[in-house]
Amino acid sequence: MNYKKLGSTDVDVSTICLGTMTWGEQNSKADGFEQMDYAIDNGVNFWDTAEIYAIPMREETYGETENIIGEWFKKTKKRDKVILATKVSGPTSKEYIRGGGCSYDKKSMSEALEKSLKRMQTDYIDLYQLHWPNRGSYMFRKNWSFDPSNQTKADTVSHIEATLGELKRQVDVGNIRYFGLSNESAWGTSMWLKISEELDLPRVLTIQNEYSLLCRLFDTDLAELCVNEDITLLGFSPLAAGYLTGKYQNGCIPEGSRMFKNNHISFINIIYYS
C-alpha cells in the first residue's frame, strides 16, 4: 500500500480510502465488517463516512453507517489503526436532521459531533468535514446551472468566522484533530484559508470533491489552489458511481447495484456521461 501525508500534517494515510456510504442500505452490517477487516489487513488505514449515511438518505437509515463502524471498533479494538473521517451535514430540508436548516452553527455542529462520536464509539475524529457549502454548490453536475449571484461576501465571511470558531473549540477539547471541506469551490476554499490565517483559527486540511476520468472539474482552479496551499484532494466517486466499471453498459442495470437501489438512472447521470 502507498501512503502520503495528509495535507501539511505528519499523518500518513493510505492513498486508497475506504468509502462506507452504502453500509446499512446497499450493504449489510456483515458486509461492512468484512470490508473493514479486508481494508485493515491490506494496509488501508484511512476511512471516510458521514452522519447522513447510508445513501440514499432516509430517516430510517440516518446514522446507520457510523453505527456499523462503531460496532466494528468495539468488537476489534482497532480504533487506533484507523485515520477516521466523517462529515457534518450542510444545509438541508430534512426535518430529521436537527429540524432542517443550516447545520454549521455552534449548537447544531456540537450536537452533530457529539452524536457521531457516540455512534462510532470513539472519543475523537481525525478529520471532520463540512459536507457541502451553506451557500450552495456546483457539484453533482450542477455546474451548468449554478448561479452565485444570490450570495453575499459578507454572509460568507460571517458564516466562516463562526464555523471556524466552533471548530477551534472542538479541536481544543480534543473531539477533532483536523477539518476539511467537501463539494467546495476554489473561491470558497480561498475564503476559508484567508479567514483562518487572519484570525489564527484551524486551517482547512483537505477537500473532498467528485473526481474521476469523467468528472474533471477539479483539474483547473482548484488543483492550482490545492497544490500551492498544501490541501489534499480526497476524490470521491473515482469510478463515476460504478459507470467506469462497465457494469451499466448498453442500458444494463444489474440487480443489487446502486443504480438499481436508487431506482432512477439519473443517479450517475448516464446521459451526461455518454
Protein backbone atom coordinates (compact mmCIF):
# COMPACT_ATOMS: atom_id res chain seq x y z
CA MET A 1 0.00 0.00 0.00
CA ASN A 2 1.18 3.52 -0.80
CA TYR A 3 0.88 6.28 1.81
CA LYS A 4 1.08 10.06 1.74
CA LYS A 5 0.96 12.91 4.23
CA LEU A 6 -2.49 14.33 4.88
CA GLY A 7 -2.23 17.99 3.91
CA SER A 8 0.50 19.76 5.86
CA THR A 9 0.45 17.26 8.75
CA ASP A 10 2.71 14.34 9.62
CA VAL A 11 -0.26 11.96 9.43
CA ASP A 12 0.33 9.10 6.98
CA VAL A 13 -2.80 7.90 5.18
CA SER A 14 -3.20 5.19 2.59
CA THR A 15 -3.74 6.53 -0.91
CA ILE A 16 -6.81 4.30 -1.07
CA CYS A 17 -9.53 5.49 1.31
CA LEU A 18 -12.30 3.13 2.39
CA GLY A 19 -15.69 4.60 1.47
CA THR A 20 -18.63 3.48 3.58
CA MET A 21 -21.82 5.17 2.43
CA THR A 22 -23.63 2.01 1.34
CA TRP A 23 -23.40 0.21 4.70
CA GLY A 24 -26.85 -0.10 6.16
CA GLU A 25 -28.61 0.22 2.78
CA GLN A 26 -26.98 -1.46 -0.21
CA ASN A 27 -24.61 -3.43 2.05
CA SER A 28 -25.35 -5.13 5.35
CA LYS A 29 -23.54 -4.83 8.67
CA ALA A 30 -21.80 -8.14 7.88
CA ASP A 31 -20.64 -6.73 4.53
CA GLY A 32 -19.30 -3.64 6.28
CA PHE A 33 -17.40 -5.73 8.83
CA GLU A 34 -15.90 -7.83 6.04
CA GLN A 35 -14.79 -4.71 4.15
CA MET A 36 -13.24 -3.14 7.25
CA ASP A 37 -11.37 -6.36 8.05
CA TYR A 38 -10.11 -6.55 4.47
CA ALA A 39 -9.06 -2.90 4.48
CA ILE A 40 -7.01 -3.20 7.68
CA ASP A 41 -5.42 -6.46 6.54
CA ASN A 42 -4.30 -4.77 3.31
CA GLY A 43 -2.94 -1.54 4.76
CA VAL A 44 -5.91 0.75 4.13
CA ASN A 45 -5.86 2.92 7.26
CA PHE A 46 -7.97 5.86 6.00
CA TRP A 47 -11.78 5.59 6.25
CA ASP A 48 -14.44 8.08 5.28
CA THR A 49 -18.08 8.29 6.36
CA ALA A 50 -20.77 10.91 7.16
CA GLU A 51 -23.58 11.43 9.61
CA ILE A 52 -26.20 11.20 6.81
CA TYR A 53 -25.08 7.77 5.60
CA ALA A 54 -26.39 5.29 4.45
CA ILE A 55 -27.16 6.58 0.97
CA PRO A 56 -29.74 7.15 -0.43
CA MET A 57 -30.73 9.35 2.51
CA ARG A 58 -33.65 8.03 4.53
CA GLU A 59 -34.73 8.76 8.07
CA GLU A 60 -34.72 5.03 8.82
CA THR A 61 -31.02 4.65 7.92
CA TYR A 62 -29.73 8.05 9.08
CA GLY A 63 -26.51 7.46 11.05
CA GLU A 64 -26.55 3.71 10.44
CA THR A 65 -23.17 3.63 8.69
CA GLU A 66 -21.50 5.33 11.64
CA ASN A 67 -23.23 2.82 13.94
CA ILE A 68 -21.73 -0.07 11.96
CA ILE A 69 -18.25 1.44 12.19
CA GLY A 70 -18.68 1.90 15.94
CA GLU A 71 -19.70 -1.70 16.41
CA TRP A 72 -16.62 -2.82 14.47
CA PHE A 73 -14.38 -0.66 16.68
CA LYS A 74 -16.00 -2.15 19.78
CA LYS A 75 -15.53 -5.69 18.51
CA THR A 76 -11.97 -5.41 17.19
CA LYS A 77 -10.45 -2.76 19.50
CA LYS A 78 -8.66 -1.36 16.43
CA ARG A 79 -9.71 2.29 16.57
CA ASP A 80 -6.02 3.27 16.87
CA LYS A 81 -5.30 1.63 13.49
CA VAL A 82 -7.64 3.96 11.60
CA ILE A 83 -7.48 7.59 10.47
CA LEU A 84 -11.20 8.31 10.69
CA ALA A 85 -13.01 10.96 8.67
CA THR A 86 -16.68 11.88 8.88
CA LYS A 87 -18.86 14.81 7.81
CA VAL A 88 -21.43 17.08 9.34
CA SER A 89 -24.46 17.65 7.12
CA GLY A 90 -24.77 21.04 5.48
CA PRO A 91 -27.99 22.98 4.89
CA THR A 92 -30.85 20.54 4.46
CA SER A 93 -34.61 20.35 4.24
CA LYS A 94 -34.63 17.02 6.08
CA GLU A 95 -36.53 17.58 9.32
CA TYR A 96 -34.96 14.52 10.93
CA ILE A 97 -31.52 16.18 10.72
CA ARG A 98 -31.81 18.58 13.66
CA GLY A 99 -35.03 20.08 12.30
CA GLY A 100 -33.54 21.02 8.93
CA GLY A 101 -31.85 24.30 8.04
CA CYS A 102 -28.15 25.05 8.46
CA SER A 103 -26.04 22.58 10.45
CA TYR A 104 -22.92 24.72 10.86
CA ASP A 105 -24.00 26.94 13.72
CA LYS A 106 -22.49 26.25 17.15
CA LYS A 107 -25.49 24.35 18.58
CA SER A 108 -26.08 22.14 15.53
CA MET A 109 -22.42 21.33 14.93
CA SER A 110 -21.86 20.49 18.59
CA GLU A 111 -24.90 18.19 18.60
CA ALA A 112 -23.91 16.53 15.33
CA LEU A 113 -20.36 15.88 16.50
CA GLU A 114 -21.48 14.51 19.85
CA LYS A 115 -23.82 12.03 18.14
CA SER A 116 -21.20 10.96 15.58
CA LEU A 117 -18.72 10.27 18.39
CA LYS A 118 -21.34 8.23 20.22
CA ARG A 119 -22.40 6.24 17.15
CA MET A 120 -18.81 5.40 16.25
CA GLN A 121 -17.88 4.63 19.87
CA THR A 122 -14.81 6.84 19.80
CA ASP A 123 -13.72 9.91 21.73
CA TYR A 124 -12.17 11.73 18.76
CA ILE A 125 -12.46 12.13 14.99
CA ASP A 126 -9.31 12.64 12.97
CA LEU A 127 -10.86 14.64 10.11
CA TYR A 128 -14.18 16.45 10.48
CA GLN A 129 -15.56 17.68 7.15
CA LEU A 130 -18.29 20.13 6.15
CA HIS A 131 -20.37 18.06 3.73
CA TRP A 132 -21.35 20.94 1.40
CA PRO A 133 -21.22 24.74 1.46
CA ASN A 134 -24.06 26.60 3.14
CA ARG A 135 -24.26 28.97 0.16
CA GLY A 136 -24.81 26.23 -2.44
CA SER A 137 -22.52 24.20 -4.69
CA TYR A 138 -21.96 23.43 -8.35
CA MET A 139 -21.09 19.80 -7.63
CA PHE A 140 -23.20 16.79 -8.69
CA ARG A 141 -23.44 18.03 -12.28
CA LYS A 142 -24.96 21.38 -11.32
CA ASN A 143 -22.07 23.30 -12.86
CA TRP A 144 -24.19 24.36 -15.85
CA SER A 145 -26.98 25.78 -13.71
CA PHE A 146 -25.04 27.06 -10.68
CA ASP A 147 -25.78 30.75 -10.02
CA PRO A 148 -23.67 32.51 -7.34
CA SER A 149 -25.38 35.89 -7.84
CA ASN A 150 -27.58 35.37 -4.77
CA GLN A 151 -24.54 35.05 -2.49
CA THR A 152 -23.05 37.89 -0.48
CA LYS A 153 -19.44 38.02 0.61
CA ALA A 154 -20.43 39.46 3.99
CA ASP A 155 -22.69 36.50 4.74
CA THR A 156 -19.98 34.06 3.69
CA VAL A 157 -17.35 35.74 5.86
CA SER A 158 -19.67 35.80 8.88
CA HIS A 159 -20.53 32.12 8.43
CA ILE A 160 -16.88 31.06 8.03
CA GLU A 161 -15.75 33.03 11.08
CA ALA A 162 -18.44 31.46 13.26
CA THR A 163 -17.84 27.94 11.94
CA LEU A 164 -14.07 28.17 12.37
CA GLY A 165 -14.59 29.39 15.91
CA GLU A 166 -16.66 26.32 16.75
CA LEU A 167 -14.15 24.03 15.01
CA LYS A 168 -11.36 25.55 17.11
CA ARG A 169 -13.35 24.89 20.26
CA GLN A 170 -13.81 21.26 19.26
CA VAL A 171 -10.10 20.91 18.45
CA ASP A 172 -9.16 22.45 21.80
CA VAL A 173 -11.29 19.98 23.77
CA GLY A 174 -9.93 17.05 21.74
CA ASN A 175 -13.08 16.00 19.89
CA ILE A 176 -11.50 16.51 16.47
CA ARG A 177 -7.94 16.80 15.20
CA TYR A 178 -8.36 18.48 11.80
CA PHE A 179 -11.08 19.75 9.50
CA GLY A 180 -11.78 19.57 5.79
CA LEU A 181 -14.23 20.79 3.16
CA SER A 182 -16.38 18.89 0.69
CA ASN A 183 -18.12 19.88 -2.56
CA GLU A 184 -16.39 23.28 -2.33
CA SER A 185 -15.22 25.73 -4.96
CA ALA A 186 -11.88 27.47 -5.46
CA TRP A 187 -13.22 30.82 -4.22
CA GLY A 188 -14.90 29.22 -1.22
CA THR A 189 -11.73 27.35 -0.26
CA SER A 190 -9.67 30.51 -0.60
CA MET A 191 -12.02 32.29 1.82
CA TRP A 192 -11.62 29.54 4.43
CA LEU A 193 -7.85 29.86 4.06
CA LYS A 194 -7.85 33.65 4.25
CA ILE A 195 -10.04 33.91 7.33
CA SER A 196 -8.30 31.13 9.23
CA GLU A 197 -4.97 32.88 8.66
CA GLU A 198 -6.30 36.29 9.66
CA LEU A 199 -7.92 35.05 12.88
CA ASP A 200 -5.45 32.26 13.74
CA LEU A 201 -8.15 29.60 13.51
CA PRO A 202 -7.94 25.98 12.25
CA ARG A 203 -6.70 25.69 8.68
CA VAL A 204 -8.50 23.59 6.09
CA LEU A 205 -6.55 20.39 5.51
CA THR A 206 -8.48 18.56 2.78
CA ILE A 207 -11.21 18.96 0.19
CA GLN A 208 -13.45 16.05 -0.78
CA ASN A 209 -14.87 16.65 -4.24
CA GLU A 210 -16.00 14.35 -7.01
CA TYR A 211 -13.15 13.28 -9.27
CA SER A 212 -12.88 10.65 -11.98
CA LEU A 213 -11.95 10.33 -15.66
CA LEU A 214 -15.45 11.60 -16.41
CA CYS A 215 -15.57 14.43 -13.87
CA ARG A 216 -12.52 16.67 -14.12
CA LEU A 217 -13.83 19.90 -12.59
CA PHE A 218 -11.03 19.87 -10.02
CA ASP A 219 -8.26 19.96 -12.61
CA THR A 220 -8.04 23.72 -13.16
CA ASP A 221 -8.51 26.41 -10.48
CA LEU A 222 -8.97 24.04 -7.55
CA ALA A 223 -5.94 21.98 -8.49
CA GLU A 224 -3.73 25.09 -8.61
CA LEU A 225 -5.05 26.30 -5.27
CA CYS A 226 -4.62 22.95 -3.54
CA VAL A 227 -1.10 22.37 -4.85
CA ASN A 228 0.07 25.79 -3.68
CA GLU A 229 -1.79 25.71 -0.35
CA ASP A 230 -0.93 22.10 0.54
CA ILE A 231 -4.54 20.89 0.64
CA THR A 232 -5.15 17.22 -0.10
CA LEU A 233 -7.86 16.23 -2.57
CA LEU A 234 -10.00 13.33 -1.40
CA GLY A 235 -11.58 12.35 -4.70
CA PHE A 236 -14.95 10.68 -4.27
CA SER A 237 -16.70 8.51 -6.86
CA PRO A 238 -13.43 7.71 -8.70
CA LEU A 239 -15.28 5.11 -10.80
CA ALA A 240 -18.12 7.53 -11.64
CA ALA A 241 -20.56 5.77 -9.30
CA GLY A 242 -19.71 2.47 -10.96
CA TYR A 243 -20.12 3.55 -14.57
CA LEU A 244 -16.41 3.17 -15.35
CA THR A 245 -16.52 -0.49 -14.27
CA GLY A 246 -18.59 -1.23 -17.36
CA LYS A 247 -21.47 -2.77 -15.44
CA TYR A 248 -24.00 -0.24 -16.76
CA GLN A 249 -23.12 -0.59 -20.44
CA ASN A 250 -25.88 -0.89 -23.02
CA GLY A 251 -28.50 0.24 -20.54
CA CYS A 252 -27.87 -2.66 -18.17
CA ILE A 253 -28.81 -2.04 -14.52
CA PRO A 254 -27.68 -5.10 -12.51
CA GLU A 255 -29.89 -6.14 -9.64
CA GLY A 256 -28.39 -5.02 -6.34
CA SER A 257 -26.31 -2.23 -7.94
CA ARG A 258 -26.50 1.33 -6.62
CA MET A 259 -28.50 2.49 -9.64
CA PHE A 260 -30.93 -0.39 -9.11
CA LYS A 261 -31.29 0.51 -5.44
CA ASN A 262 -31.92 4.17 -6.26
CA ASN A 263 -34.48 3.20 -8.87
CA HIS A 264 -33.60 6.01 -11.26
CA ILE A 265 -30.98 6.35 -13.93
CA SER A 266 -30.11 9.96 -13.10
CA PHE A 267 -28.17 8.87 -10.02
CA ILE A 268 -24.99 8.71 -12.07
CA ASN A 269 -26.43 10.76 -14.89
CA ILE A 270 -25.80 8.23 -17.62
CA ILE A 271 -26.85 10.68 -20.32
CA TYR A 272 -24.34 13.26 -19.12
CA TYR A 273 -21.52 10.75 -19.08
CA SER A 274 -22.40 9.39 -22.50
